[in-house]
Amino acid sequence: MNSINSQRLEYLKNIARELRIAPLYERFFELLNSGEIEKANTSAQELVIDLLEYVKTSRLDNRTAKALKALELHNPGASIDNILWNIGRTGISKHEMVELNTCNWIRSRRSIIMV
C-alpha cells in the first residue's frame, strides 16, 4: 500500500472516529484487506449500504451487551435449552417449559407467577 493510500486510510479512520462511526472504518479496512472490494463487482451504493448496515448492527450489539451487563445476570448465557431435566426436578415439566417459551400465554393475555 502506498503512502497516499495510507494517508487516506488514516484520514478516513480519524473522520470515522470523530463522527462516532468507527465500525464503518473497521468494516471498510476489513473489506479492503480481504480484497473483497476488488473481487466482488460491487457498486459504490452497495458498498455504502454494507458499511452502514455494519455500523447499525455494531451499535445494536453494543446496546444489547450494555443492557445485559446492566442486568447483572448470574449466568447471561443461560437458556431453556441448557436446563438439565434428568436431575429430579419437580414442579414443572420440560414440556410445560417449552410451551411457556413459545410465549402464547402472553399473546392470550394470561399471567404467570414463577418462584
PDB file of N, CA and C in Angstrom:
ATOM      1  N   MET A   1       0.858  -1.174   0.000  1.00  0.00           N
ATOM      2  CA  MET A   1       0.000   0.000   0.000  1.00  0.00           C
ATOM      3  C   MET A   1       0.899   1.231   0.000  1.00  0.00           C
ATOM      4  N   ASN A   2       0.635   2.162  -0.911  1.00  0.00           N
ATOM      5  CA  ASN A   2       1.496   3.341  -0.994  1.00  0.00           C
ATOM      6  C   ASN A   2       1.143   4.368   0.079  1.00  0.00           C
ATOM      7  N   SER A   3       1.994   5.393   0.187  1.00  0.00           N
ATOM      8  CA  SER A   3       1.823   6.364   1.275  1.00  0.00           C
ATOM      9  C   SER A   3       0.561   7.210   1.103  1.00  0.00           C
ATOM     10  N   ILE A   4       0.144   7.464  -0.141  1.00  0.00           N
ATOM     11  CA  ILE A   4      -1.076   8.249  -0.364  1.00  0.00           C
ATOM     12  C   ILE A   4      -2.283   7.476   0.157  1.00  0.00           C
ATOM     13  N   ASN A   5      -2.356   6.185  -0.187  1.00  0.00           N
ATOM     14  CA  ASN A   5      -3.457   5.363   0.316  1.00  0.00           C
ATOM     15  C   ASN A   5      -3.406   5.249   1.826  1.00  0.00           C
ATOM     16  N   SER A   6      -2.204   5.156   2.369  1.00  0.00           N
ATOM     17  CA  SER A   6      -2.034   5.086   3.819  1.00  0.00           C
ATOM     18  C   SER A   6      -2.567   6.349   4.487  1.00  0.00           C
ATOM     19  N   GLN A   7      -2.247   7.483   3.910  1.00  0.00           N
ATOM     20  CA  GLN A   7      -2.718   8.761   4.452  1.00  0.00           C
ATOM     21  C   GLN A   7      -4.235   8.863   4.348  1.00  0.00           C
ATOM     22  N   ARG A   8      -4.790   8.402   3.234  1.00  0.00           N
ATOM     23  CA  ARG A   8      -6.244   8.447   3.049  1.00  0.00           C
ATOM     24  C   ARG A   8      -6.950   7.550   4.066  1.00  0.00           C
ATOM     25  N   LEU A   9      -6.379   6.363   4.293  1.00  0.00           N
ATOM     26  CA  LEU A   9      -6.970   5.454   5.277  1.00  0.00           C
ATOM     27  C   LEU A   9      -6.903   6.049   6.679  1.00  0.00           C
ATOM     28  N   GLU A  10      -5.790   6.682   7.001  1.00  0.00           N
ATOM     29  CA  GLU A  10      -5.652   7.327   8.308  1.00  0.00           C
ATOM     30  C   GLU A  10      -6.661   8.466   8.433  1.00  0.00           C
ATOM     31  N   TYR A  11      -6.854   9.207   7.348  1.00  0.00           N
ATOM     32  CA  TYR A  11      -7.833  10.297   7.322  1.00  0.00           C
ATOM     33  C   TYR A  11      -9.245   9.744   7.530  1.00  0.00           C
ATOM     34  N   LEU A  12      -9.559   8.659   6.822  1.00  0.00           N
ATOM     35  CA  LEU A  12     -10.871   8.013   6.975  1.00  0.00           C
ATOM     36  C   LEU A  12     -11.071   7.529   8.407  1.00  0.00           C
ATOM     37  N   LYS A  13     -10.037   6.951   8.980  1.00  0.00           N
ATOM     38  CA  LYS A  13     -10.099   6.468  10.355  1.00  0.00           C
ATOM     39  C   LYS A  13     -10.406   7.617  11.323  1.00  0.00           C
ATOM     40  N   ASN A  14      -9.737   8.748  11.139  1.00  0.00           N
ATOM     41  CA  ASN A  14      -9.947   9.912  12.013  1.00  0.00           C
ATOM     42  C   ASN A  14     -11.350  10.496  11.861  1.00  0.00           C
ATOM     43  N   ILE A  15     -11.818  10.582  10.620  1.00  0.00           N
ATOM     44  CA  ILE A  15     -13.167  11.111  10.382  1.00  0.00           C
ATOM     45  C   ILE A  15     -14.213  10.186  11.017  1.00  0.00           C
ATOM     46  N   ALA A  16     -14.046   8.882  10.809  1.00  0.00           N
ATOM     47  CA  ALA A  16     -14.990   7.909  11.372  1.00  0.00           C
ATOM     48  C   ALA A  16     -15.014   8.017  12.891  1.00  0.00           C
ATOM     49  N   ARG A  17     -13.851   8.210  13.498  1.00  0.00           N
ATOM     50  CA  ARG A  17     -13.785   8.338  14.955  1.00  0.00           C
ATOM     51  C   ARG A  17     -14.481   9.617  15.408  1.00  0.00           C
ATOM     52  N   GLU A  18     -14.230  10.723  14.700  1.00  0.00           N
ATOM     53  CA  GLU A  18     -14.873  11.994  15.050  1.00  0.00           C
ATOM     54  C   GLU A  18     -16.393  11.910  14.938  1.00  0.00           C
ATOM     55  N   LEU A  19     -16.870  11.234  13.912  1.00  0.00           N
ATOM     56  CA  LEU A  19     -18.310  11.094  13.687  1.00  0.00           C
ATOM     57  C   LEU A  19     -18.926   9.960  14.506  1.00  0.00           C
ATOM     58  N   ARG A  20     -18.099   9.307  15.264  1.00  0.00           N
ATOM     59  CA  ARG A  20     -18.525   8.198  16.116  1.00  0.00           C
ATOM     60  C   ARG A  20     -19.127   7.046  15.305  1.00  0.00           C
ATOM     61  N   ILE A  21     -18.485   6.769  14.173  1.00  0.00           N
ATOM     62  CA  ILE A  21     -18.861   5.625  13.341  1.00  0.00           C
ATOM     63  C   ILE A  21     -17.612   4.785  13.050  1.00  0.00           C
ATOM     64  N   ALA A  22     -16.824   4.541  14.090  1.00  0.00           N
ATOM     65  CA  ALA A  22     -15.591   3.758  13.942  1.00  0.00           C
ATOM     66  C   ALA A  22     -15.836   2.385  13.311  1.00  0.00           C
ATOM     67  N   PRO A  23     -16.972   1.724  13.583  1.00  0.00           N
ATOM     68  CA  PRO A  23     -17.198   0.428  12.934  1.00  0.00           C
ATOM     69  C   PRO A  23     -17.214   0.521  11.404  1.00  0.00           C
ATOM     70  N   LEU A  24     -17.588   1.674  10.857  1.00  0.00           N
ATOM     71  CA  LEU A  24     -17.578   1.856   9.412  1.00  0.00           C
ATOM     72  C   LEU A  24     -16.154   1.697   8.892  1.00  0.00           C
ATOM     73  N   TYR A  25     -15.213   2.346   9.553  1.00  0.00           N
ATOM     74  CA  TYR A  25     -13.813   2.233   9.148  1.00  0.00           C
ATOM     75  C   TYR A  25     -13.327   0.802   9.310  1.00  0.00           C
ATOM     76  N   GLU A  26     -13.686   0.173  10.432  1.00  0.00           N
ATOM     77  CA  GLU A  26     -13.249  -1.198  10.681  1.00  0.00           C
ATOM     78  C   GLU A  26     -13.719  -2.128   9.568  1.00  0.00           C
ATOM     79  N   ARG A  27     -14.988  -1.985   9.182  1.00  0.00           N
ATOM     80  CA  ARG A  27     -15.542  -2.834   8.121  1.00  0.00           C
ATOM     81  C   ARG A  27     -14.876  -2.534   6.777  1.00  0.00           C
ATOM     82  N   PHE A  28     -14.666  -1.264   6.471  1.00  0.00           N
ATOM     83  CA  PHE A  28     -14.017  -0.887   5.219  1.00  0.00           C
ATOM     84  C   PHE A  28     -12.613  -1.462   5.158  1.00  0.00           C
ATOM     85  N   PHE A  29     -11.864  -1.339   6.251  1.00  0.00           N
ATOM     86  CA  PHE A  29     -10.499  -1.844   6.309  1.00  0.00           C
ATOM     87  C   PHE A  29     -10.485  -3.363   6.146  1.00  0.00           C
ATOM     88  N   GLU A  30     -11.460  -4.020   6.771  1.00  0.00           N
ATOM     89  CA  GLU A  30     -11.593  -5.478   6.652  1.00  0.00           C
ATOM     90  C   GLU A  30     -11.849  -5.881   5.201  1.00  0.00           C
ATOM     91  N   LEU A  31     -12.775  -5.190   4.531  1.00  0.00           N
ATOM     92  CA  LEU A  31     -13.087  -5.489   3.131  1.00  0.00           C
ATOM     93  C   LEU A  31     -11.897  -5.196   2.223  1.00  0.00           C
ATOM     94  N   LEU A  32     -11.182  -4.128   2.521  1.00  0.00           N
ATOM     95  CA  LEU A  32     -10.019  -3.741   1.723  1.00  0.00           C
ATOM     96  C   LEU A  32      -8.911  -4.772   1.860  1.00  0.00           C
ATOM     97  N   ASN A  33      -8.620  -5.190   3.085  1.00  0.00           N
ATOM     98  CA  ASN A  33      -7.547  -6.167   3.315  1.00  0.00           C
ATOM     99  C   ASN A  33      -7.860  -7.539   2.753  1.00  0.00           C
ATOM    100  N   SER A  34      -9.128  -7.919   2.779  1.00  0.00           N
ATOM    101  CA  SER A  34      -9.505  -9.239   2.268  1.00  0.00           C
ATOM    102  C   SER A  34      -9.589  -9.256   0.740  1.00  0.00           C
ATOM    103  N   GLY A  35      -9.562  -8.073   0.134  1.00  0.00           N
ATOM    104  CA  GLY A  35      -9.651  -7.990  -1.321  1.00  0.00           C
ATOM    105  C   GLY A  35     -11.071  -8.096  -1.833  1.00  0.00           C
ATOM    106  N   GLU A  36     -12.043  -8.093  -0.946  1.00  0.00           N
ATOM    107  CA  GLU A  36     -13.437  -8.249  -1.359  1.00  0.00           C
ATOM    108  C   GLU A  36     -13.927  -7.071  -2.188  1.00  0.00           C
ATOM    109  N   ILE A  37     -13.391  -5.894  -1.955  1.00  0.00           N
ATOM    110  CA  ILE A  37     -13.837  -4.721  -2.705  1.00  0.00           C
ATOM    111  C   ILE A  37     -13.473  -4.872  -4.179  1.00  0.00           C
ATOM    112  N   GLU A  38     -12.261  -5.334  -4.442  1.00  0.00           N
ATOM    113  CA  GLU A  38     -11.834  -5.520  -5.830  1.00  0.00           C
ATOM    114  C   GLU A  38     -12.477  -6.747  -6.467  1.00  0.00           C
ATOM    115  N   LYS A  39     -12.587  -7.839  -5.684  1.00  0.00           N
ATOM    116  CA  LYS A  39     -13.137  -9.092  -6.205  1.00  0.00           C
ATOM    117  C   LYS A  39     -14.620  -8.992  -6.520  1.00  0.00           C
ATOM    118  N   ALA A  40     -15.377  -8.542  -5.544  1.00  0.00           N
ATOM    119  CA  ALA A  40     -16.833  -8.510  -5.687  1.00  0.00           C
ATOM    120  C   ALA A  40     -17.218  -7.312  -6.525  1.00  0.00           C
ATOM    121  N   ASN A  41     -17.750  -7.500  -7.609  1.00  0.00           N
ATOM    122  CA  ASN A  41     -18.114  -6.431  -8.526  1.00  0.00           C
ATOM    123  C   ASN A  41     -19.235  -5.577  -7.933  1.00  0.00           C
ATOM    124  N   THR A  42     -18.968  -4.941  -6.811  1.00  0.00           N
ATOM    125  CA  THR A  42     -20.000  -4.183  -6.125  1.00  0.00           C
ATOM    126  C   THR A  42     -19.949  -2.715  -6.515  1.00  0.00           C
ATOM    127  N   SER A  43     -21.094  -2.105  -6.518  1.00  0.00           N
ATOM    128  CA  SER A  43     -21.173  -0.679  -6.822  1.00  0.00           C
ATOM    129  C   SER A  43     -20.870   0.114  -5.559  1.00  0.00           C
ATOM    130  N   ALA A  44     -20.658   1.391  -5.725  1.00  0.00           N
ATOM    131  CA  ALA A  44     -20.415   2.275  -4.580  1.00  0.00           C
ATOM    132  C   ALA A  44     -21.622   2.254  -3.653  1.00  0.00           C
ATOM    133  N   GLN A  45     -22.813   2.204  -4.253  1.00  0.00           N
ATOM    134  CA  GLN A  45     -24.041   2.174  -3.460  1.00  0.00           C
ATOM    135  C   GLN A  45     -24.087   0.921  -2.579  1.00  0.00           C
ATOM    136  N   GLU A  46     -23.754  -0.239  -3.141  1.00  0.00           N
ATOM    137  CA  GLU A  46     -23.762  -1.477  -2.370  1.00  0.00           C
ATOM    138  C   GLU A  46     -22.716  -1.441  -1.260  1.00  0.00           C
ATOM    139  N   LEU A  47     -21.561  -0.841  -1.544  1.00  0.00           N
ATOM    140  CA  LEU A  47     -20.510  -0.724  -0.543  1.00  0.00           C
ATOM    141  C   LEU A  47     -20.962   0.155   0.617  1.00  0.00           C
ATOM    142  N   VAL A  48     -21.571   1.282   0.308  1.00  0.00           N
ATOM    143  CA  VAL A  48     -22.054   2.190   1.358  1.00  0.00           C
ATOM    144  C   VAL A  48     -23.125   1.507   2.189  1.00  0.00           C
ATOM    145  N   ILE A  49     -24.036   0.792   1.541  1.00  0.00           N
ATOM    146  CA  ILE A  49     -25.090   0.072   2.265  1.00  0.00           C
ATOM    147  C   ILE A  49     -24.471  -0.959   3.199  1.00  0.00           C
ATOM    148  N   ASP A  50     -23.502  -1.714   2.705  1.00  0.00           N
ATOM    149  CA  ASP A  50     -22.830  -2.720   3.535  1.00  0.00           C
ATOM    150  C   ASP A  50     -22.178  -2.073   4.750  1.00  0.00           C
ATOM    151  N   LEU A  51     -21.485  -0.965   4.543  1.00  0.00           N
ATOM    152  CA  LEU A  51     -20.801  -0.274   5.640  1.00  0.00           C
ATOM    153  C   LEU A  51     -21.787   0.257   6.675  1.00  0.00           C
ATOM    154  N   LEU A  52     -22.869   0.860   6.207  1.00  0.00           N
ATOM    155  CA  LEU A  52     -23.859   1.416   7.133  1.00  0.00           C
ATOM    156  C   LEU A  52     -24.608   0.325   7.893  1.00  0.00           C
ATOM    157  N   GLU A  53     -24.896  -0.787   7.224  1.00  0.00           N
ATOM    158  CA  GLU A  53     -25.541  -1.910   7.906  1.00  0.00           C
ATOM    159  C   GLU A  53     -24.622  -2.465   8.994  1.00  0.00           C
ATOM    160  N   TYR A  54     -23.326  -2.479   8.710  1.00  0.00           N
ATOM    161  CA  TYR A  54     -22.362  -2.949   9.700  1.00  0.00           C
ATOM    162  C   TYR A  54     -22.363  -2.040  10.929  1.00  0.00           C
ATOM    163  N   VAL A  55     -22.406  -0.734  10.701  1.00  0.00           N
ATOM    164  CA  VAL A  55     -22.447   0.222  11.809  1.00  0.00           C
ATOM    165  C   VAL A  55     -23.724   0.009  12.626  1.00  0.00           C
ATOM    166  N   LYS A  56     -24.845  -0.139  11.928  1.00  0.00           N
ATOM    167  CA  LYS A  56     -26.131  -0.342  12.602  1.00  0.00           C
ATOM    168  C   LYS A  56     -26.095  -1.598  13.474  1.00  0.00           C
ATOM    169  N   THR A  57     -25.614  -2.696  12.921  1.00  0.00           N
ATOM    170  CA  THR A  57     -25.527  -3.951  13.651  1.00  0.00           C
ATOM    171  C   THR A  57     -24.581  -3.831  14.841  1.00  0.00           C
ATOM    172  N   SER A  58     -23.464  -3.172  14.619  1.00  0.00           N
ATOM    173  CA  SER A  58     -22.486  -2.976  15.688  1.00  0.00           C
ATOM    174  C   SER A  58     -23.086  -2.195  16.849  1.00  0.00           C
ATOM    175  N   ARG A  59     -23.831  -1.140  16.547  1.00  0.00           N
ATOM    176  CA  ARG A  59     -24.460  -0.338  17.597  1.00  0.00           C
ATOM    177  C   ARG A  59     -25.519  -1.136  18.351  1.00  0.00           C
ATOM    178  N   LEU A  60     -26.294  -1.917  17.615  1.00  0.00           N
ATOM    179  CA  LEU A  60     -27.313  -2.746  18.257  1.00  0.00           C
ATOM    180  C   LEU A  60     -26.662  -3.781  19.173  1.00  0.00           C
ATOM    181  N   ASP A  61     -25.579  -4.400  18.706  1.00  0.00           N
ATOM    182  CA  ASP A  61     -24.860  -5.375  19.529  1.00  0.00           C
ATOM    183  C   ASP A  61     -24.317  -4.718  20.800  1.00  0.00           C
ATOM    184  N   ASN A  62     -23.783  -3.508  20.653  1.00  0.00           N
ATOM    185  CA  ASN A  62     -23.250  -2.792  21.820  1.00  0.00           C
ATOM    186  C   ASN A  62     -24.350  -2.456  22.818  1.00  0.00           C
ATOM    187  N   ARG A  63     -25.512  -2.010  22.309  1.00  0.00           N
ATOM    188  CA  ARG A  63     -26.639  -1.699  23.200  1.00  0.00           C
ATOM    189  C   ARG A  63     -27.102  -2.942  23.947  1.00  0.00           C
ATOM    190  N   THR A  64     -27.182  -4.046  23.228  1.00  0.00           N
ATOM    191  CA  THR A  64     -27.602  -5.301  23.837  1.00  0.00           C
ATOM    192  C   THR A  64     -26.613  -5.738  24.913  1.00  0.00           C
ATOM    193  N   ALA A  65     -25.323  -5.632  24.610  1.00  0.00           N
ATOM    194  CA  ALA A  65     -24.292  -6.007  25.579  1.00  0.00           C
ATOM    195  C   ALA A  65     -24.371  -5.127  26.821  1.00  0.00           C
ATOM    196  N   LYS A  66     -24.585  -3.824  26.643  1.00  0.00           N
ATOM    197  CA  LYS A  66     -24.692  -2.918  27.786  1.00  0.00           C
ATOM    198  C   LYS A  66     -25.924  -3.236  28.623  1.00  0.00           C
ATOM    199  N   ALA A  67     -27.040  -3.546  27.958  1.00  0.00           N
ATOM    200  CA  ALA A  67     -28.271  -3.873  28.679  1.00  0.00           C
ATOM    201  C   ALA A  67     -28.100  -5.161  29.486  1.00  0.00           C
ATOM    202  N   LEU A  68     -27.456  -6.153  28.888  1.00  0.00           N
ATOM    203  CA  LEU A  68     -27.215  -7.408  29.609  1.00  0.00           C
ATOM    204  C   LEU A  68     -26.285  -7.192  30.800  1.00  0.00           C
ATOM    205  N   LYS A  69     -25.295  -6.349  30.608  1.00  0.00           N
ATOM    206  CA  LYS A  69     -24.372  -6.060  31.712  1.00  0.00           C
ATOM    207  C   LYS A  69     -25.099  -5.330  32.839  1.00  0.00           C
ATOM    208  N   ALA A  70     -25.992  -4.415  32.486  1.00  0.00           N
ATOM    209  CA  ALA A  70     -26.746  -3.659  33.492  1.00  0.00           C
ATOM    210  C   ALA A  70     -27.668  -4.567  34.298  1.00  0.00           C
ATOM    211  N   LEU A  71     -28.123  -5.649  33.697  1.00  0.00           N
ATOM    212  CA  LEU A  71     -28.998  -6.583  34.408  1.00  0.00           C
ATOM    213  C   LEU A  71     -28.260  -7.375  35.483  1.00  0.00           C
ATOM    214  N   GLU A  72     -26.945  -7.428  35.374  1.00  0.00           N
ATOM    215  CA  GLU A  72     -26.107  -8.170  36.316  1.00  0.00           C
ATOM    216  C   GLU A  72     -26.587  -9.605  36.493  1.00  0.00           C
ATOM    217  N   LEU A  73     -26.834 -10.269  35.385  1.00  0.00           N
ATOM    218  CA  LEU A  73     -27.282 -11.656  35.421  1.00  0.00           C
ATOM    219  C   LEU A  73     -26.157 -12.563  35.916  1.00  0.00           C
ATOM    220  N   HIS A  74     -26.526 -13.584  36.685  1.00  0.00           N
ATOM    221  CA  HIS A  74     -25.528 -14.521  37.191  1.00  0.00           C
ATOM    222  C   HIS A  74     -24.983 -15.391  36.074  1.00  0.00           C
ATOM    223  N   ASN A  75     -25.833 -15.740  35.128  1.00  0.00           N
ATOM    224  CA  ASN A  75     -25.413 -16.578  34.012  1.00  0.00           C
ATOM    225  C   ASN A  75     -26.076 -16.064  32.741  1.00  0.00           C
ATOM    226  N   PRO A  76     -25.485 -15.039  32.091  1.00  0.00           N
ATOM    227  CA  PRO A  76     -26.135 -14.426  30.923  1.00  0.00           C
ATOM    228  C   PRO A  76     -26.290 -15.360  29.724  1.00  0.00           C
ATOM    229  N   GLY A  77     -25.539 -16.447  29.690  1.00  0.00           N
ATOM    230  CA  GLY A  77     -25.645 -17.386  28.577  1.00  0.00           C
ATOM    231  C   GLY A  77     -26.671 -18.471  28.808  1.00  0.00           C
ATOM    232  N   ALA A  78     -27.390 -18.386  29.920  1.00  0.00           N
ATOM    233  CA  ALA A  78     -28.370 -19.428  30.258  1.00  0.00           C
ATOM    234  C   ALA A  78     -29.535 -19.405  29.276  1.00  0.00           C
ATOM    235  N   SER A  79     -30.049 -20.579  28.980  1.00  0.00           N
ATOM    236  CA  SER A  79     -31.230 -20.676  28.123  1.00  0.00           C
ATOM    237  C   SER A  79     -32.030 -21.913  28.512  1.00  0.00           C
ATOM    238  N   ILE A  80     -33.243 -21.952  28.049  1.00  0.00           N
ATOM    239  CA  ILE A  80     -34.117 -23.088  28.350  1.00  0.00           C
ATOM    240  C   ILE A  80     -33.522 -24.382  27.804  1.00  0.00           C
ATOM    241  N   ASP A  81     -32.824 -24.279  26.695  1.00  0.00           N
ATOM    242  CA  ASP A  81     -32.225 -25.463  26.086  1.00  0.00           C
ATOM    243  C   ASP A  81     -31.143 -26.088  26.965  1.00  0.00           C
ATOM    244  N   ASN A  82     -30.571 -25.316  27.885  1.00  0.00           N
ATOM    245  CA  ASN A  82     -29.477 -25.813  28.723  1.00  0.00           C
ATOM    246  C   ASN A  82     -29.934 -26.371  30.068  1.00  0.00           C
ATOM    247  N   ILE A  83     -31.228 -26.419  30.320  1.00  0.00           N
ATOM    248  CA  ILE A  83     -31.729 -26.938  31.596  1.00  0.00           C
ATOM    249  C   ILE A  83     -31.518 -28.449  31.645  1.00  0.00           C
ATOM    250  N   LEU A  84     -30.995 -28.911  32.762  1.00  0.00           N
ATOM    251  CA  LEU A  84     -30.822 -30.353  32.974  1.00  0.00           C
ATOM    252  C   LEU A  84     -32.109 -30.896  33.587  1.00  0.00           C
ATOM    253  N   TRP A  85     -32.824 -31.718  32.834  1.00  0.00           N
ATOM    254  CA  TRP A  85     -34.120 -32.223  33.277  1.00  0.00           C
ATOM    255  C   TRP A  85     -34.006 -33.577  33.948  1.00  0.00           C
ATOM    256  N   ASN A  86     -32.863 -34.222  33.857  1.00  0.00           N
ATOM    257  CA  ASN A  86     -32.735 -35.583  34.389  1.00  0.00           C
ATOM    258  C   ASN A  86     -32.192 -35.607  35.815  1.00  0.00           C
ATOM    259  N   ILE A  87     -32.268 -34.516  36.555  1.00  0.00           N
ATOM    260  CA  ILE A  87     -31.724 -34.500  37.907  1.00  0.00           C
ATOM    261  C   ILE A  87     -32.823 -34.427  38.968  1.00  0.00           C
ATOM    262  N   GLY A  88     -34.000 -34.886  38.625  1.00  0.00           N
ATOM    263  CA  GLY A  88     -35.081 -34.965  39.599  1.00  0.00           C
ATOM    264  C   GLY A  88     -35.795 -33.655  39.858  1.00  0.00           C
ATOM    265  N   ARG A  89     -35.934 -32.833  38.870  1.00  0.00           N
ATOM    266  CA  ARG A  89     -36.674 -31.577  39.050  1.00  0.00           C
ATOM    267  C   ARG A  89     -38.155 -31.883  39.253  1.00  0.00           C
ATOM    268  N   THR A  90     -38.772 -31.098  40.101  1.00  0.00           N
ATOM    269  CA  THR A  90     -40.208 -31.261  40.341  1.00  0.00           C
ATOM    270  C   THR A  90     -40.893 -29.923  40.105  1.00  0.00           C
ATOM    271  N   GLY A  91     -42.182 -29.963  39.898  1.00  0.00           N
ATOM    272  CA  GLY A  91     -42.946 -28.730  39.772  1.00  0.00           C
ATOM    273  C   GLY A  91     -43.309 -28.380  38.344  1.00  0.00           C
ATOM    274  N   ILE A  92     -42.362 -28.415  37.435  1.00  0.00           N
ATOM    275  CA  ILE A  92     -42.655 -28.066  36.044  1.00  0.00           C
ATOM    276  C   ILE A  92     -41.924 -29.051  35.140  1.00  0.00           C
ATOM    277  N   SER A  93     -42.621 -29.504  34.131  1.00  0.00           N
ATOM    278  CA  SER A  93     -42.030 -30.486  33.227  1.00  0.00           C
ATOM    279  C   SER A  93     -41.344 -29.784  32.056  1.00  0.00           C
ATOM    280  N   LYS A  94     -40.541 -30.542  31.365  1.00  0.00           N
ATOM    281  CA  LYS A  94     -39.852 -29.999  30.188  1.00  0.00           C
ATOM    282  C   LYS A  94     -40.879 -29.546  29.151  1.00  0.00           C
ATOM    283  N   HIS A  95     -41.918 -30.333  28.964  1.00  0.00           N
ATOM    284  CA  HIS A  95     -42.970 -29.996  28.008  1.00  0.00           C
ATOM    285  C   HIS A  95     -43.634 -28.661  28.378  1.00  0.00           C
ATOM    286  N   GLU A  96     -43.930 -28.478  29.664  1.00  0.00           N
ATOM    287  CA  GLU A  96     -44.551 -27.231  30.114  1.00  0.00           C
ATOM    288  C   GLU A  96     -43.619 -26.035  29.887  1.00  0.00           C
ATOM    289  N   MET A  97     -42.334 -26.229  30.151  1.00  0.00           N
ATOM    290  CA  MET A  97     -41.370 -25.143  29.964  1.00  0.00           C
ATOM    291  C   MET A  97     -41.240 -24.775  28.479  1.00  0.00           C
ATOM    292  N   VAL A  98     -41.233 -25.765  27.621  1.00  0.00           N
ATOM    293  CA  VAL A  98     -41.172 -25.499  26.180  1.00  0.00           C
ATOM    294  C   VAL A  98     -42.415 -24.729  25.751  1.00  0.00           C
ATOM    295  N   GLU A  99     -43.557 -25.117  26.273  1.00  0.00           N
ATOM    296  CA  GLU A  99     -44.806 -24.421  25.948  1.00  0.00           C
ATOM    297  C   GLU A  99     -44.767 -22.974  26.447  1.00  0.00           C
ATOM    298  N   LEU A 100     -44.262 -22.754  27.654  1.00  0.00           N
ATOM    299  CA  LEU A 100     -44.148 -21.384  28.177  1.00  0.00           C
ATOM    300  C   LEU A 100     -43.197 -20.548  27.330  1.00  0.00           C
ATOM    301  N   ASN A 101     -42.173 -21.177  26.804  1.00  0.00           N
ATOM    302  CA  ASN A 101     -41.182 -20.474  25.994  1.00  0.00           C
ATOM    303  C   ASN A 101     -41.753 -19.963  24.674  1.00  0.00           C
ATOM    304  N   THR A 102     -42.863 -20.528  24.220  1.00  0.00           N
ATOM    305  CA  THR A 102     -43.492 -20.043  22.986  1.00  0.00           C
ATOM    306  C   THR A 102     -44.145 -18.684  23.189  1.00  0.00           C
ATOM    307  N   CYS A 103     -44.374 -18.323  24.448  1.00  0.00           N
ATOM    308  CA  CYS A 103     -44.993 -17.044  24.839  1.00  0.00           C
ATOM    309  C   CYS A 103     -46.439 -16.913  24.394  1.00  0.00           C
ATOM    310  N   ASN A 104     -47.079 -18.014  24.105  1.00  0.00           N
ATOM    311  CA  ASN A 104     -48.507 -17.967  23.770  1.00  0.00           C
ATOM    312  C   ASN A 104     -49.321 -17.432  24.931  1.00  0.00           C
ATOM    313  N   TRP A 105     -48.849 -17.679  26.155  1.00  0.00           N
ATOM    314  CA  TRP A 105     -49.549 -17.205  27.344  1.00  0.00           C
ATOM    315  C   TRP A 105     -49.592 -15.682  27.389  1.00  0.00           C
ATOM    316  N   ILE A 106     -48.590 -15.029  26.811  1.00  0.00           N
ATOM    317  CA  ILE A 106     -48.582 -13.555  26.751  1.00  0.00           C
ATOM    318  C   ILE A 106     -49.600 -13.075  25.724  1.00  0.00           C
ATOM    319  N   ARG A 107     -49.573 -13.708  24.554  1.00  0.00           N
ATOM    320  CA  ARG A 107     -50.499 -13.324  23.485  1.00  0.00           C
ATOM    321  C   ARG A 107     -51.957 -13.530  23.878  1.00  0.00           C
ATOM    322  N   SER A 108     -52.209 -14.542  24.724  1.00  0.00           N
ATOM    323  CA  SER A 108     -53.592 -14.781  25.164  1.00  0.00           C
ATOM    324  C   SER A 108     -53.907 -14.018  26.443  1.00  0.00           C
ATOM    325  N   ARG A 109     -53.064 -13.064  26.803  1.00  0.00           N
ATOM    326  CA  ARG A 109     -53.261 -12.161  27.951  1.00  0.00           C
ATOM    327  C   ARG A 109     -53.458 -12.898  29.264  1.00  0.00           C
ATOM    328  N   ARG A 110     -52.614 -13.931  29.464  1.00  0.00           N
ATOM    329  CA  ARG A 110     -52.644 -14.658  30.725  1.00  0.00           C
ATOM    330  C   ARG A 110     -51.423 -14.260  31.557  1.00  0.00           C
ATOM    331  N   SER A 111     -51.500 -14.469  32.828  1.00  0.00           N
ATOM    332  CA  SER A 111     -50.405 -14.129  33.738  1.00  0.00           C
ATOM    333  C   SER A 111     -49.737 -15.402  34.228  1.00  0.00           C
ATOM    334  N   ILE A 112     -48.519 -15.246  34.698  1.00  0.00           N
ATOM    335  CA  ILE A 112     -47.789 -16.386  35.250  1.00  0.00           C
ATOM    336  C   ILE A 112     -46.945 -15.881  36.406  1.00  0.00           C
ATOM    337  N   ILE A 113     -46.876 -16.674  37.449  1.00  0.00           N
ATOM    338  CA  ILE A 113     -46.019 -16.382  38.580  1.00  0.00           C
ATOM    339  C   ILE A 113     -45.112 -17.588  38.786  1.00  0.00           C
ATOM    340  N   MET A 114     -43.813 -17.362  38.747  1.00  0.00           N
ATOM    341  CA  MET A 114     -42.852 -18.459  38.943  1.00  0.00           C
ATOM    342  C   MET A 114     -42.013 -18.139  40.166  1.00  0.00           C
ATOM    343  N   VAL A 115     -41.763 -19.160  40.945  1.00  0.00           N
ATOM    344  CA  VAL A 115     -40.943 -18.994  42.160  1.00  0.00           C
ATOM    345  C   VAL A 115     -39.741 -19.887  42.038  1.00  0.00           C
TER     346      VAL A 115
END
